[in-house]
Each structure stands twice: as structure tokens, then as C-alpha cells.
Amino acid sequence: MTLSEAGFIAHPADTTARYAMMNTLPPGQLTYRPSPAGPVYLYADPIGCGCVYMGSAAAYGSFSAWQRTSKASTPLRTDVRAMAAENRRDTAAWDWSAWSPNADPGGDQPRHVSGGYW
């Protein structure tokens, strides 16, 4: 909920491509991937919502400020150096087109959701 309040948007991993990409991210950790518009900060939540929260630099700044001033019981990793190291470690190409609304494979193609197929 705090990520949403900071400006992050939850994108469901409701296609096979999205699910596969969500699984390349470290679950429950904040990281980023470069995009044409600059870094997009990502938080994979495969168990809670089966989604990836995505936020801009402004959303990341808002979330970081909240973490510094709150008494968060389980703070997320927000160190940019650690996120950059994770980003360099991950060699899978991040396909931003899979997250656009027109990337849905259609009703006749298998789509994966957390907990099963439909």
C-alpha cells in the first residue's frame, strides 16, 4: 500500500511474458531497469498481488522520503548502489512492450497468473 501511496502503479503479471519477466526480478526488493524515459523503479510481488509495482524517479523519491521518516518494521532496500549492482547482475533483457496494454496475447493464448493457468 505504501508503494501505491508514493506513486507506484501495480501492473499485474497476467500474461506469460509478464510473469516470466516478473520472475527475473528479486521478489520483495526495490530495484530498477533503464527505459527510454530514464530509470523505472520496480518491486516484484509474486505472492501478494502477482504484480510488479512500477514507479518513476518522483515516486521513488517520495517512497524513500517516507522510509527515512517512518518507523517501517521491514524497510525495503532503497540504496541505489545495491539496485545498480542487481541490475548489472541480471542479464535478461527487459521488454517494456510486454507491459503495454496491447501486449496481451489474446484470449486463445495461455496466460499465467499467480496460482495457476486460465
N, C-alpha and C. Protein backbone atom coordinates (compact mmCIF):
# COMPACT_ATOMS: atom_id res chain seq x y z
N MET A 1 0.82 -1.18 0.00
CA MET A 1 0.00 0.00 0.00
C MET A 1 0.88 1.26 0.00
N THR A 2 1.99 1.23 0.70
CA THR A 2 2.86 2.39 0.77
C THR A 2 3.44 2.72 -0.60
N LEU A 3 3.78 1.71 -1.38
CA LEU A 3 4.29 1.96 -2.72
C LEU A 3 3.25 2.68 -3.56
N SER A 4 2.01 2.25 -3.45
CA SER A 4 0.93 2.90 -4.20
C SER A 4 0.76 4.35 -3.77
N GLU A 5 0.82 4.58 -2.48
CA GLU A 5 0.68 5.95 -1.98
C GLU A 5 1.82 6.84 -2.45
N ALA A 6 2.99 6.25 -2.69
CA ALA A 6 4.15 7.02 -3.15
C ALA A 6 4.08 7.31 -4.65
N GLY A 7 3.17 6.66 -5.35
CA GLY A 7 3.04 6.90 -6.78
C GLY A 7 3.39 5.73 -7.66
N PHE A 8 3.70 4.58 -7.07
CA PHE A 8 3.97 3.38 -7.85
C PHE A 8 2.64 2.81 -8.36
N ILE A 9 2.66 2.21 -9.52
CA ILE A 9 1.45 1.62 -10.11
C ILE A 9 1.66 0.12 -10.22
N ALA A 10 0.68 -0.66 -9.75
CA ALA A 10 0.75 -2.12 -9.81
C ALA A 10 0.33 -2.57 -11.20
N HIS A 11 1.19 -3.35 -11.84
CA HIS A 11 0.90 -3.93 -13.15
C HIS A 11 0.82 -5.45 -12.97
N PRO A 12 -0.35 -6.04 -13.19
CA PRO A 12 -0.48 -7.48 -12.98
C PRO A 12 0.36 -8.28 -13.97
N ALA A 13 0.94 -9.35 -13.48
CA ALA A 13 1.69 -10.27 -14.34
C ALA A 13 0.69 -11.29 -14.89
N ASP A 14 -0.18 -10.80 -15.77
CA ASP A 14 -1.31 -11.60 -16.23
C ASP A 14 -1.14 -12.19 -17.63
N THR A 15 0.07 -12.11 -18.15
CA THR A 15 0.38 -12.82 -19.39
C THR A 15 1.64 -13.63 -19.13
N THR A 16 1.91 -14.57 -20.00
CA THR A 16 3.09 -15.41 -19.83
C THR A 16 4.36 -14.58 -19.87
N ALA A 17 4.43 -13.61 -20.77
CA ALA A 17 5.63 -12.77 -20.87
C ALA A 17 5.81 -11.94 -19.62
N ARG A 18 4.74 -11.36 -19.11
CA ARG A 18 4.84 -10.54 -17.89
C ARG A 18 5.26 -11.41 -16.71
N TYR A 19 4.69 -12.59 -16.59
CA TYR A 19 5.01 -13.49 -15.48
C TYR A 19 6.49 -13.86 -15.52
N ALA A 20 6.99 -14.19 -16.71
CA ALA A 20 8.40 -14.54 -16.85
C ALA A 20 9.30 -13.37 -16.47
N MET A 21 8.93 -12.17 -16.89
CA MET A 21 9.74 -11.01 -16.56
C MET A 21 9.68 -10.68 -15.08
N MET A 22 8.51 -10.84 -14.46
CA MET A 22 8.40 -10.60 -13.02
C MET A 22 9.35 -11.52 -12.27
N ASN A 23 9.50 -12.74 -12.75
CA ASN A 23 10.36 -13.71 -12.08
C ASN A 23 11.84 -13.45 -12.28
N THR A 24 12.21 -12.52 -13.15
CA THR A 24 13.62 -12.15 -13.27
C THR A 24 14.01 -11.12 -12.21
N LEU A 25 13.01 -10.52 -11.57
CA LEU A 25 13.27 -9.51 -10.54
C LEU A 25 13.41 -10.17 -9.17
N PRO A 26 14.21 -9.58 -8.29
CA PRO A 26 14.28 -10.13 -6.93
C PRO A 26 12.96 -9.86 -6.20
N PRO A 27 12.28 -10.90 -5.74
CA PRO A 27 10.98 -10.67 -5.10
C PRO A 27 11.11 -9.90 -3.79
N GLY A 28 10.21 -8.96 -3.60
CA GLY A 28 10.18 -8.21 -2.35
C GLY A 28 11.30 -7.22 -2.18
N GLN A 29 11.96 -6.84 -3.27
CA GLN A 29 13.04 -5.86 -3.19
C GLN A 29 12.83 -4.80 -4.26
N LEU A 30 13.16 -3.59 -3.92
CA LEU A 30 13.07 -2.49 -4.86
C LEU A 30 14.31 -2.49 -5.74
N THR A 31 14.11 -2.40 -7.04
CA THR A 31 15.22 -2.33 -7.98
C THR A 31 14.79 -1.41 -9.12
N TYR A 32 15.58 -1.34 -10.16
CA TYR A 32 15.19 -0.51 -11.30
C TYR A 32 15.68 -1.15 -12.58
N ARG A 33 15.09 -0.71 -13.68
CA ARG A 33 15.55 -1.08 -15.01
C ARG A 33 15.55 0.19 -15.85
N PRO A 34 16.55 0.33 -16.72
CA PRO A 34 16.58 1.52 -17.57
C PRO A 34 15.46 1.47 -18.60
N SER A 35 14.97 2.63 -18.96
CA SER A 35 13.96 2.76 -20.01
C SER A 35 14.29 3.98 -20.83
N PRO A 36 13.65 4.15 -21.97
CA PRO A 36 13.93 5.35 -22.78
C PRO A 36 13.64 6.65 -22.02
N ALA A 37 12.75 6.60 -21.04
CA ALA A 37 12.41 7.81 -20.27
C ALA A 37 13.25 7.95 -19.00
N GLY A 38 14.22 7.08 -18.79
CA GLY A 38 15.02 7.10 -17.57
C GLY A 38 14.72 5.87 -16.74
N PRO A 39 15.33 5.73 -15.57
CA PRO A 39 15.11 4.52 -14.78
C PRO A 39 13.67 4.41 -14.30
N VAL A 40 13.15 3.19 -14.36
CA VAL A 40 11.83 2.89 -13.80
C VAL A 40 12.10 1.96 -12.62
N TYR A 41 11.60 2.34 -11.47
CA TYR A 41 11.83 1.58 -10.25
C TYR A 41 10.76 0.49 -10.15
N LEU A 42 11.20 -0.71 -9.81
CA LEU A 42 10.35 -1.89 -9.84
C LEU A 42 10.36 -2.63 -8.51
N TYR A 43 9.22 -3.17 -8.15
CA TYR A 43 9.08 -4.00 -6.97
C TYR A 43 8.21 -5.18 -7.37
N ALA A 44 8.80 -6.38 -7.40
CA ALA A 44 8.06 -7.58 -7.76
C ALA A 44 7.38 -8.17 -6.52
N ASP A 45 6.08 -8.41 -6.65
CA ASP A 45 5.30 -9.01 -5.56
C ASP A 45 4.58 -10.24 -6.10
N PRO A 46 5.33 -11.35 -6.31
CA PRO A 46 4.72 -12.53 -6.91
C PRO A 46 3.71 -13.23 -6.02
N ILE A 47 3.80 -13.08 -4.72
CA ILE A 47 2.90 -13.78 -3.81
C ILE A 47 1.70 -12.92 -3.43
N GLY A 48 1.93 -11.68 -3.07
CA GLY A 48 0.85 -10.81 -2.61
C GLY A 48 -0.16 -10.48 -3.69
N CYS A 49 0.30 -9.92 -4.80
CA CYS A 49 -0.63 -9.49 -5.84
C CYS A 49 -0.34 -10.11 -7.20
N GLY A 50 0.78 -10.82 -7.32
CA GLY A 50 1.14 -11.36 -8.63
C GLY A 50 1.37 -10.23 -9.62
N CYS A 51 2.07 -9.18 -9.16
CA CYS A 51 2.23 -7.99 -9.98
C CYS A 51 3.61 -7.39 -9.78
N VAL A 52 3.90 -6.39 -10.61
CA VAL A 52 5.12 -5.61 -10.48
C VAL A 52 4.69 -4.17 -10.29
N TYR A 53 5.11 -3.57 -9.18
CA TYR A 53 4.88 -2.15 -8.96
C TYR A 53 5.95 -1.39 -9.73
N MET A 54 5.54 -0.40 -10.50
CA MET A 54 6.48 0.41 -11.28
C MET A 54 6.31 1.87 -10.89
N GLY A 55 7.43 2.55 -10.71
CA GLY A 55 7.37 3.95 -10.33
C GLY A 55 8.46 4.77 -10.99
N SER A 56 8.18 6.04 -11.10
CA SER A 56 9.12 7.00 -11.69
C SER A 56 10.14 7.43 -10.63
N ALA A 57 11.05 8.29 -11.04
CA ALA A 57 12.02 8.84 -10.09
C ALA A 57 11.31 9.63 -9.00
N ALA A 58 10.22 10.31 -9.35
CA ALA A 58 9.45 11.06 -8.35
C ALA A 58 8.81 10.11 -7.34
N ALA A 59 8.26 8.99 -7.80
CA ALA A 59 7.66 8.02 -6.90
C ALA A 59 8.72 7.40 -5.99
N TYR A 60 9.89 7.11 -6.58
CA TYR A 60 10.99 6.57 -5.78
C TYR A 60 11.42 7.56 -4.70
N GLY A 61 11.52 8.83 -5.07
CA GLY A 61 11.90 9.86 -4.11
C GLY A 61 10.89 9.99 -2.99
N SER A 62 9.62 9.93 -3.33
CA SER A 62 8.56 10.01 -2.34
C SER A 62 8.61 8.81 -1.39
N PHE A 63 8.82 7.63 -1.96
CA PHE A 63 8.90 6.43 -1.13
C PHE A 63 10.13 6.47 -0.22
N SER A 64 11.27 6.89 -0.76
CA SER A 64 12.50 6.97 0.04
C SER A 64 12.34 7.96 1.19
N ALA A 65 11.70 9.10 0.92
CA ALA A 65 11.47 10.08 1.98
C ALA A 65 10.57 9.51 3.06
N TRP A 66 9.54 8.77 2.67
CA TRP A 66 8.65 8.15 3.64
C TRP A 66 9.42 7.15 4.51
N GLN A 67 10.29 6.36 3.87
CA GLN A 67 11.05 5.37 4.64
C GLN A 67 11.99 6.02 5.65
N ARG A 68 12.59 7.13 5.27
CA ARG A 68 13.52 7.80 6.19
C ARG A 68 12.80 8.38 7.39
N THR A 69 11.56 8.81 7.22
CA THR A 69 10.84 9.47 8.32
C THR A 69 9.93 8.53 9.10
N SER A 70 9.69 7.33 8.59
CA SER A 70 8.77 6.42 9.29
C SER A 70 9.55 5.40 10.10
N LYS A 71 8.82 4.67 10.85
CA LYS A 71 9.38 3.57 11.63
C LYS A 71 8.99 2.25 10.96
N ALA A 72 9.35 2.11 9.69
CA ALA A 72 8.98 0.92 8.93
C ALA A 72 9.57 -0.31 9.60
N SER A 73 8.72 -1.31 9.84
CA SER A 73 9.18 -2.52 10.52
C SER A 73 10.07 -3.36 9.63
N THR A 74 9.82 -3.37 8.33
CA THR A 74 10.65 -4.11 7.39
C THR A 74 11.01 -3.20 6.23
N PRO A 75 12.03 -2.37 6.41
CA PRO A 75 12.36 -1.42 5.35
C PRO A 75 12.82 -2.13 4.08
N LEU A 76 12.42 -1.60 2.94
CA LEU A 76 12.87 -2.12 1.66
C LEU A 76 14.25 -1.56 1.35
N ARG A 77 14.99 -2.32 0.60
CA ARG A 77 16.30 -1.84 0.17
C ARG A 77 16.06 -0.69 -0.79
N THR A 78 16.56 0.47 -0.46
CA THR A 78 16.40 1.63 -1.33
C THR A 78 17.75 2.23 -1.73
N ASP A 79 18.83 1.54 -1.46
CA ASP A 79 20.16 2.02 -1.81
C ASP A 79 20.36 1.88 -3.31
N VAL A 80 20.59 2.98 -4.00
CA VAL A 80 20.73 2.97 -5.45
C VAL A 80 21.92 2.13 -5.88
N ARG A 81 23.00 2.15 -5.12
CA ARG A 81 24.18 1.34 -5.49
C ARG A 81 23.85 -0.15 -5.48
N ALA A 82 23.10 -0.61 -4.48
CA ALA A 82 22.71 -2.01 -4.42
C ALA A 82 21.77 -2.36 -5.57
N MET A 83 20.87 -1.43 -5.90
CA MET A 83 19.96 -1.66 -7.03
C MET A 83 20.73 -1.72 -8.34
N ALA A 84 21.73 -0.87 -8.50
CA ALA A 84 22.54 -0.86 -9.71
C ALA A 84 23.31 -2.17 -9.84
N ALA A 85 23.83 -2.68 -8.73
CA ALA A 85 24.55 -3.96 -8.77
C ALA A 85 23.61 -5.08 -9.18
N GLU A 86 22.39 -5.08 -8.67
CA GLU A 86 21.41 -6.11 -9.04
C GLU A 86 21.07 -5.97 -10.52
N ASN A 87 20.95 -4.75 -11.00
CA ASN A 87 20.61 -4.50 -12.39
C ASN A 87 21.71 -5.01 -13.31
N ARG A 88 22.97 -4.83 -12.94
CA ARG A 88 24.09 -5.34 -13.74
C ARG A 88 24.16 -6.86 -13.69
N ARG A 89 23.77 -7.45 -12.56
CA ARG A 89 23.81 -8.90 -12.41
C ARG A 89 22.78 -9.57 -13.31
N ASP A 90 21.62 -8.94 -13.47
CA ASP A 90 20.56 -9.51 -14.28
C ASP A 90 20.88 -9.29 -15.75
N THR A 91 21.11 -10.37 -16.47
CA THR A 91 21.47 -10.26 -17.88
C THR A 91 20.27 -10.43 -18.81
N ALA A 92 19.09 -10.70 -18.27
CA ALA A 92 17.91 -10.86 -19.11
C ALA A 92 17.48 -9.48 -19.64
N ALA A 93 17.10 -9.45 -20.89
CA ALA A 93 16.63 -8.19 -21.48
C ALA A 93 15.23 -7.88 -20.95
N TRP A 94 15.02 -6.66 -20.54
CA TRP A 94 13.72 -6.24 -20.02
C TRP A 94 12.92 -5.69 -21.19
N ASP A 95 11.81 -6.33 -21.49
CA ASP A 95 10.99 -5.95 -22.65
C ASP A 95 9.83 -5.09 -22.18
N TRP A 96 9.98 -3.77 -22.35
CA TRP A 96 8.93 -2.86 -21.89
C TRP A 96 7.64 -3.05 -22.65
N SER A 97 7.70 -3.55 -23.88
CA SER A 97 6.48 -3.71 -24.67
C SER A 97 5.54 -4.75 -24.05
N ALA A 98 6.06 -5.68 -23.27
CA ALA A 98 5.19 -6.67 -22.63
C ALA A 98 4.27 -6.05 -21.60
N TRP A 99 4.60 -4.86 -21.13
CA TRP A 99 3.80 -4.21 -20.10
C TRP A 99 2.81 -3.20 -20.66
N SER A 100 2.77 -3.06 -21.99
CA SER A 100 1.78 -2.16 -22.57
C SER A 100 0.45 -2.90 -22.71
N PRO A 101 -0.67 -2.18 -22.68
CA PRO A 101 -1.97 -2.84 -22.76
C PRO A 101 -2.17 -3.66 -24.02
N ASN A 102 -1.55 -3.28 -25.14
CA ASN A 102 -1.76 -4.03 -26.37
C ASN A 102 -0.79 -5.21 -26.51
N ALA A 103 -0.08 -5.56 -25.45
CA ALA A 103 0.82 -6.71 -25.49
C ALA A 103 0.12 -8.00 -25.10
N ASP A 104 -1.14 -7.93 -24.72
CA ASP A 104 -1.90 -9.12 -24.35
C ASP A 104 -1.97 -10.07 -25.54
N PRO A 105 -1.63 -11.36 -25.34
CA PRO A 105 -1.59 -12.28 -26.47
C PRO A 105 -2.96 -12.65 -27.02
N GLY A 106 -4.03 -12.29 -26.36
CA GLY A 106 -5.36 -12.63 -26.86
C GLY A 106 -5.97 -13.78 -26.08
N GLY A 107 -7.26 -13.96 -26.26
CA GLY A 107 -7.99 -14.96 -25.49
C GLY A 107 -7.65 -16.40 -25.82
N ASP A 108 -7.08 -16.66 -26.99
CA ASP A 108 -6.80 -18.04 -27.37
C ASP A 108 -5.39 -18.49 -26.98
N GLN A 109 -4.63 -17.63 -26.33
CA GLN A 109 -3.27 -17.96 -25.91
C GLN A 109 -3.23 -18.19 -24.40
N PRO A 110 -2.35 -19.10 -23.94
CA PRO A 110 -2.27 -19.33 -22.49
C PRO A 110 -1.74 -18.10 -21.78
N ARG A 111 -2.34 -17.80 -20.66
CA ARG A 111 -1.89 -16.69 -19.84
C ARG A 111 -1.70 -17.22 -18.43
N HIS A 112 -0.60 -16.84 -17.81
CA HIS A 112 -0.29 -17.33 -16.47
C HIS A 112 -0.63 -16.28 -15.44
N VAL A 113 -1.20 -16.73 -14.36
CA VAL A 113 -1.43 -15.87 -13.21
C VAL A 113 -0.88 -16.59 -12.01
N SER A 114 -0.66 -15.85 -10.95
CA SER A 114 -0.15 -16.44 -9.72
C SER A 114 -1.14 -17.50 -9.25
N GLY A 115 -0.69 -18.71 -9.13
CA GLY A 115 -1.53 -19.78 -8.62
C GLY A 115 -2.13 -20.68 -9.69
N GLY A 116 -1.92 -20.43 -10.96
CA GLY A 116 -2.47 -21.33 -11.95
C GLY A 116 -2.58 -20.70 -13.32
N TYR A 117 -3.14 -21.47 -14.22
CA TYR A 117 -3.37 -21.00 -15.60
C TYR A 117 -4.86 -20.84 -15.81
N TRP A 118 -5.25 -20.02 -16.77
CA TRP A 118 -6.64 -19.98 -17.18
C TRP A 118 -6.70 -19.79 -18.67
